[in-house]
Amino acid sequence: MGAAPVPWPDEPLAYTVVDQDLRDLLAEIGTRLGVHLRVSDAVKARVRGRLPPAPPREFLARLASIYGFEWFYDGGTIWVSAPSASQTRMMQLGPVPLEQMTGAMDELGLTGQPRSLEGGAARGGSRQAFHTQQRRPGVRGGTTKR
């Protein structure tokens, strides 16, 4: 079983920020979306200016692109971290179908967004790569609205 999708509202997000800590802005966004959001202490920036309206997923992706953080949703919490908290692992598995690998990862709880899997021939077997994010110490919670 994979993680449930983020319950994005239909209403676009838009903000005008004078000078705000990025972590505080993200906590505010989590409250507005009604989703628990946890932000690593390693995510640091000051936000200034107008952030044009966009659907929530696109809005968060734009902030991530501008301010250099990564995020994923585990079915209950949006986790925000610095790129240094991500891990990429390569495994030589033999002939394992990509769908079987995906199912095994879901069973182990290695799900979330973003996650990427690749399959291909490598020395007679399948090459599987996956990218997932780990929860690390130094993560603080945003406010929760349920």
C-alpha atoms as a PDB file:
ATOM      1  CA  MET A   1       0.000   0.000   0.000  1.00  0.00           C
ATOM      2  CA  GLY A   2       1.311   3.414  -0.948  1.00  0.00           C
ATOM      3  CA  ALA A   3       0.830   6.686   0.840  1.00  0.00           C
ATOM      4  CA  ALA A   4      -2.453   8.483   0.321  1.00  0.00           C
ATOM      5  CA  PRO A   5      -2.315  11.507  -1.959  1.00  0.00           C
ATOM      6  CA  VAL A   6      -2.144  14.964  -0.412  1.00  0.00           C
ATOM      7  CA  PRO A   7      -5.694  16.293   0.080  1.00  0.00           C
ATOM      8  CA  TRP A   8      -5.026  19.417  -2.010  1.00  0.00           C
ATOM      9  CA  PRO A   9      -7.834  21.991  -1.956  1.00  0.00           C
ATOM     10  CA  ASP A  10      -9.063  23.385  -5.268  1.00  0.00           C
ATOM     11  CA  GLU A  11      -8.352  26.978  -4.240  1.00  0.00           C
ATOM     12  CA  PRO A  12      -5.035  28.409  -5.511  1.00  0.00           C
ATOM     13  CA  LEU A  13      -2.498  29.750  -3.022  1.00  0.00           C
ATOM     14  CA  ALA A  14      -1.066  33.260  -3.264  1.00  0.00           C
ATOM     15  CA  TYR A  15       1.028  35.205  -0.775  1.00  0.00           C
ATOM     16  CA  THR A  16       2.707  38.564  -0.524  1.00  0.00           C
ATOM     17  CA  VAL A  17       5.538  38.347   1.969  1.00  0.00           C
ATOM     18  CA  VAL A  18       7.386  41.346   3.373  1.00  0.00           C
ATOM     19  CA  ASP A  19      10.195  39.466   5.160  1.00  0.00           C
ATOM     20  CA  GLN A  20       9.389  36.064   6.624  1.00  0.00           C
ATOM     21  CA  ASP A  21      11.324  32.968   7.609  1.00  0.00           C
ATOM     22  CA  LEU A  22      10.685  30.235   5.020  1.00  0.00           C
ATOM     23  CA  ARG A  23       9.927  27.693   7.749  1.00  0.00           C
ATOM     24  CA  ASP A  24       7.242  29.969   9.201  1.00  0.00           C
ATOM     25  CA  LEU A  25       5.726  30.487   5.747  1.00  0.00           C
ATOM     26  CA  LEU A  26       5.656  26.721   5.155  1.00  0.00           C
ATOM     27  CA  ALA A  27       3.969  26.153   8.544  1.00  0.00           C
ATOM     28  CA  GLU A  28       1.361  28.765   7.584  1.00  0.00           C
ATOM     29  CA  ILE A  29       0.781  27.015   4.256  1.00  0.00           C
ATOM     30  CA  GLY A  30       0.321  23.691   6.077  1.00  0.00           C
ATOM     31  CA  THR A  31      -2.272  25.306   8.344  1.00  0.00           C
ATOM     32  CA  ARG A  32      -4.072  26.839   5.381  1.00  0.00           C
ATOM     33  CA  LEU A  33      -4.106  23.483   3.570  1.00  0.00           C
ATOM     34  CA  GLY A  34      -5.227  21.632   6.699  1.00  0.00           C
ATOM     35  CA  VAL A  35      -2.197  19.309   6.469  1.00  0.00           C
ATOM     36  CA  HIS A  36       0.404  18.595   9.141  1.00  0.00           C
ATOM     37  CA  LEU A  37       3.747  19.895   7.866  1.00  0.00           C
ATOM     38  CA  ARG A  38       7.178  19.283   9.418  1.00  0.00           C
ATOM     39  CA  VAL A  39      10.193  21.312   8.367  1.00  0.00           C
ATOM     40  CA  SER A  40      13.849  20.443   8.935  1.00  0.00           C
ATOM     41  CA  ASP A  41      15.949  23.006  10.772  1.00  0.00           C
ATOM     42  CA  ALA A  42      18.349  22.763   7.806  1.00  0.00           C
ATOM     43  CA  VAL A  43      15.770  24.535   5.608  1.00  0.00           C
ATOM     44  CA  LYS A  44      16.726  28.185   5.991  1.00  0.00           C
ATOM     45  CA  ALA A  45      15.824  31.241   3.938  1.00  0.00           C
ATOM     46  CA  ARG A  46      14.061  34.570   4.126  1.00  0.00           C
ATOM     47  CA  VAL A  47      11.096  35.076   1.810  1.00  0.00           C
ATOM     48  CA  ARG A  48      10.271  38.476   0.346  1.00  0.00           C
ATOM     49  CA  GLY A  49       7.929  39.644  -2.370  1.00  0.00           C
ATOM     50  CA  ARG A  50       4.825  38.482  -4.154  1.00  0.00           C
ATOM     51  CA  LEU A  51       4.276  34.783  -4.735  1.00  0.00           C
ATOM     52  CA  PRO A  52       1.802  34.553  -7.630  1.00  0.00           C
ATOM     53  CA  PRO A  53      -1.304  32.361  -7.356  1.00  0.00           C
ATOM     54  CA  ALA A  54      -0.957  28.689  -8.217  1.00  0.00           C
ATOM     55  CA  PRO A  55      -2.621  25.393  -7.292  1.00  0.00           C
ATOM     56  CA  PRO A  56      -1.194  24.176  -3.948  1.00  0.00           C
ATOM     57  CA  ARG A  57       1.019  21.409  -5.381  1.00  0.00           C
ATOM     58  CA  GLU A  58       2.489  23.763  -7.991  1.00  0.00           C
ATOM     59  CA  PHE A  59       2.901  26.510  -5.376  1.00  0.00           C
ATOM     60  CA  LEU A  60       4.887  24.196  -3.092  1.00  0.00           C
ATOM     61  CA  ALA A  61       6.953  22.910  -6.034  1.00  0.00           C
ATOM     62  CA  ARG A  62       7.771  26.499  -7.032  1.00  0.00           C
ATOM     63  CA  LEU A  63       8.887  27.351  -3.485  1.00  0.00           C
ATOM     64  CA  ALA A  64      11.009  24.186  -3.422  1.00  0.00           C
ATOM     65  CA  SER A  65      12.649  25.162  -6.698  1.00  0.00           C
ATOM     66  CA  ILE A  66      13.357  28.733  -5.609  1.00  0.00           C
ATOM     67  CA  TYR A  67      14.546  27.984  -2.067  1.00  0.00           C
ATOM     68  CA  GLY A  68      16.228  24.622  -2.638  1.00  0.00           C
ATOM     69  CA  PHE A  69      14.261  22.252  -0.438  1.00  0.00           C
ATOM     70  CA  GLU A  70      12.649  18.868  -1.070  1.00  0.00           C
ATOM     71  CA  TRP A  71       9.326  17.625   0.196  1.00  0.00           C
ATOM     72  CA  PHE A  72       7.190  14.516   0.282  1.00  0.00           C
ATOM     73  CA  TYR A  73       3.886  13.419   1.747  1.00  0.00           C
ATOM     74  CA  ASP A  74       3.673  10.174   3.704  1.00  0.00           C
ATOM     75  CA  GLY A  75      -0.097   9.997   3.978  1.00  0.00           C
ATOM     76  CA  GLY A  76      -0.354  12.169   7.068  1.00  0.00           C
ATOM     77  CA  THR A  77       2.440  14.739   7.039  1.00  0.00           C
ATOM     78  CA  ILE A  78       4.243  16.817   4.434  1.00  0.00           C
ATOM     79  CA  TRP A  79       7.960  16.492   5.271  1.00  0.00           C
ATOM     80  CA  VAL A  80      10.219  19.328   4.129  1.00  0.00           C
ATOM     81  CA  SER A  81      13.985  18.857   4.179  1.00  0.00           C
ATOM     82  CA  ALA A  82      17.241  20.085   2.723  1.00  0.00           C
ATOM     83  CA  PRO A  83      18.631  18.062  -0.212  1.00  0.00           C
ATOM     84  CA  SER A  84      21.348  16.728   2.094  1.00  0.00           C
ATOM     85  CA  ALA A  85      18.654  14.629   3.855  1.00  0.00           C
ATOM     86  CA  SER A  86      17.902  12.627   0.691  1.00  0.00           C
ATOM     87  CA  GLN A  87      19.440   9.300  -0.106  1.00  0.00           C
ATOM     88  CA  THR A  88      19.880   7.518  -3.413  1.00  0.00           C
ATOM     89  CA  ARG A  89      20.620   3.817  -3.419  1.00  0.00           C
ATOM     90  CA  MET A  90      21.546   1.546  -6.318  1.00  0.00           C
ATOM     91  CA  MET A  91      20.948  -2.186  -6.053  1.00  0.00           C
ATOM     92  CA  GLN A  92      21.797  -5.073  -8.360  1.00  0.00           C
ATOM     93  CA  LEU A  93      18.760  -7.340  -8.110  1.00  0.00           C
ATOM     94  CA  GLY A  94      18.739  -9.748 -10.985  1.00  0.00           C
ATOM     95  CA  PRO A  95      15.636 -10.062 -13.142  1.00  0.00           C
ATOM     96  CA  VAL A  96      13.030  -8.381 -10.915  1.00  0.00           C
ATOM     97  CA  PRO A  97      10.142  -6.589 -12.622  1.00  0.00           C
ATOM     98  CA  LEU A  98       9.878  -2.916 -11.719  1.00  0.00           C
ATOM     99  CA  GLU A  99       6.287  -3.436 -10.521  1.00  0.00           C
ATOM    100  CA  GLN A 100       7.463  -6.093  -8.058  1.00  0.00           C
ATOM    101  CA  MET A 101      10.139  -3.712  -6.743  1.00  0.00           C
ATOM    102  CA  THR A 102       7.560  -0.951  -6.326  1.00  0.00           C
ATOM    103  CA  GLY A 103       5.278  -3.307  -4.385  1.00  0.00           C
ATOM    104  CA  ALA A 104       8.115  -4.414  -2.110  1.00  0.00           C
ATOM    105  CA  MET A 105       9.080  -0.805  -1.401  1.00  0.00           C
ATOM    106  CA  ASP A 106       5.462   0.034  -0.581  1.00  0.00           C
ATOM    107  CA  GLU A 107       5.305  -2.892   1.857  1.00  0.00           C
ATOM    108  CA  LEU A 108       8.487  -1.658   3.569  1.00  0.00           C
ATOM    109  CA  GLY A 109       7.088   1.853   3.877  1.00  0.00           C
ATOM    110  CA  LEU A 110       9.634   3.358   1.464  1.00  0.00           C
ATOM    111  CA  THR A 111       7.030   5.511  -0.161  1.00  0.00           C
ATOM    112  CA  GLY A 112       6.480   9.198  -0.489  1.00  0.00           C
ATOM    113  CA  GLN A 113       6.974  12.002  -2.912  1.00  0.00           C
ATOM    114  CA  PRO A 114       9.276  12.338  -4.656  1.00  0.00           C
ATOM    115  CA  ARG A 115      10.238   8.749  -5.298  1.00  0.00           C
ATOM    116  CA  SER A 116      11.722   7.556  -8.534  1.00  0.00           C
ATOM    117  CA  LEU A 117      12.413   4.056  -9.734  1.00  0.00           C
ATOM    118  CA  GLU A 118      14.359   3.025 -12.791  1.00  0.00           C
ATOM    119  CA  GLY A 119      14.753  -0.368 -14.338  1.00  0.00           C
ATOM    120  CA  GLY A 120      17.073  -1.524 -17.077  1.00  0.00           C
ATOM    121  CA  ALA A 121      19.417  -4.241 -18.216  1.00  0.00           C
ATOM    122  CA  ALA A 122      22.756  -4.278 -16.435  1.00  0.00           C
ATOM    123  CA  ARG A 123      25.025  -7.327 -16.626  1.00  0.00           C
ATOM    124  CA  GLY A 124      22.205  -9.764 -17.246  1.00  0.00           C
ATOM    125  CA  GLY A 125      19.935  -8.452 -14.504  1.00  0.00           C
ATOM    126  CA  SER A 126      17.807  -5.457 -13.707  1.00  0.00           C
ATOM    127  CA  ARG A 127      19.251  -2.245 -12.400  1.00  0.00           C
ATOM    128  CA  GLN A 128      16.959  -0.654  -9.859  1.00  0.00           C
ATOM    129  CA  ALA A 129      17.486   2.761  -8.377  1.00  0.00           C
ATOM    130  CA  PHE A 130      15.259   4.439  -5.883  1.00  0.00           C
ATOM    131  CA  HIS A 131      15.211   7.832  -4.272  1.00  0.00           C
ATOM    132  CA  THR A 132      13.435   8.390  -1.018  1.00  0.00           C
ATOM    133  CA  GLN A 133      13.730  10.775   1.882  1.00  0.00           C
ATOM    134  CA  GLN A 134      14.378   9.836   5.458  1.00  0.00           C
ATOM    135  CA  ARG A 135      13.000  11.632   8.491  1.00  0.00           C
ATOM    136  CA  ARG A 136      15.975  13.002  10.364  1.00  0.00           C
ATOM    137  CA  PRO A 137      16.579  14.683  13.699  1.00  0.00           C
ATOM    138  CA  GLY A 138      16.314  18.439  13.544  1.00  0.00           C
ATOM    139  CA  VAL A 139      12.824  18.468  12.067  1.00  0.00           C
ATOM    140  CA  ARG A 140      10.311  20.756  13.614  1.00  0.00           C
ATOM    141  CA  GLY A 141       6.578  20.601  13.222  1.00  0.00           C
ATOM    142  CA  GLY A 142       4.313  23.185  11.750  1.00  0.00           C
ATOM    143  CA  THR A 143       0.887  23.844  13.111  1.00  0.00           C
ATOM    144  CA  THR A 144      -1.825  21.384  12.317  1.00  0.00           C
ATOM    145  CA  LYS A 145      -5.377  22.207  11.368  1.00  0.00           C
ATOM    146  CA  ARG A 146      -7.649  19.177  11.182  1.00  0.00           C
END
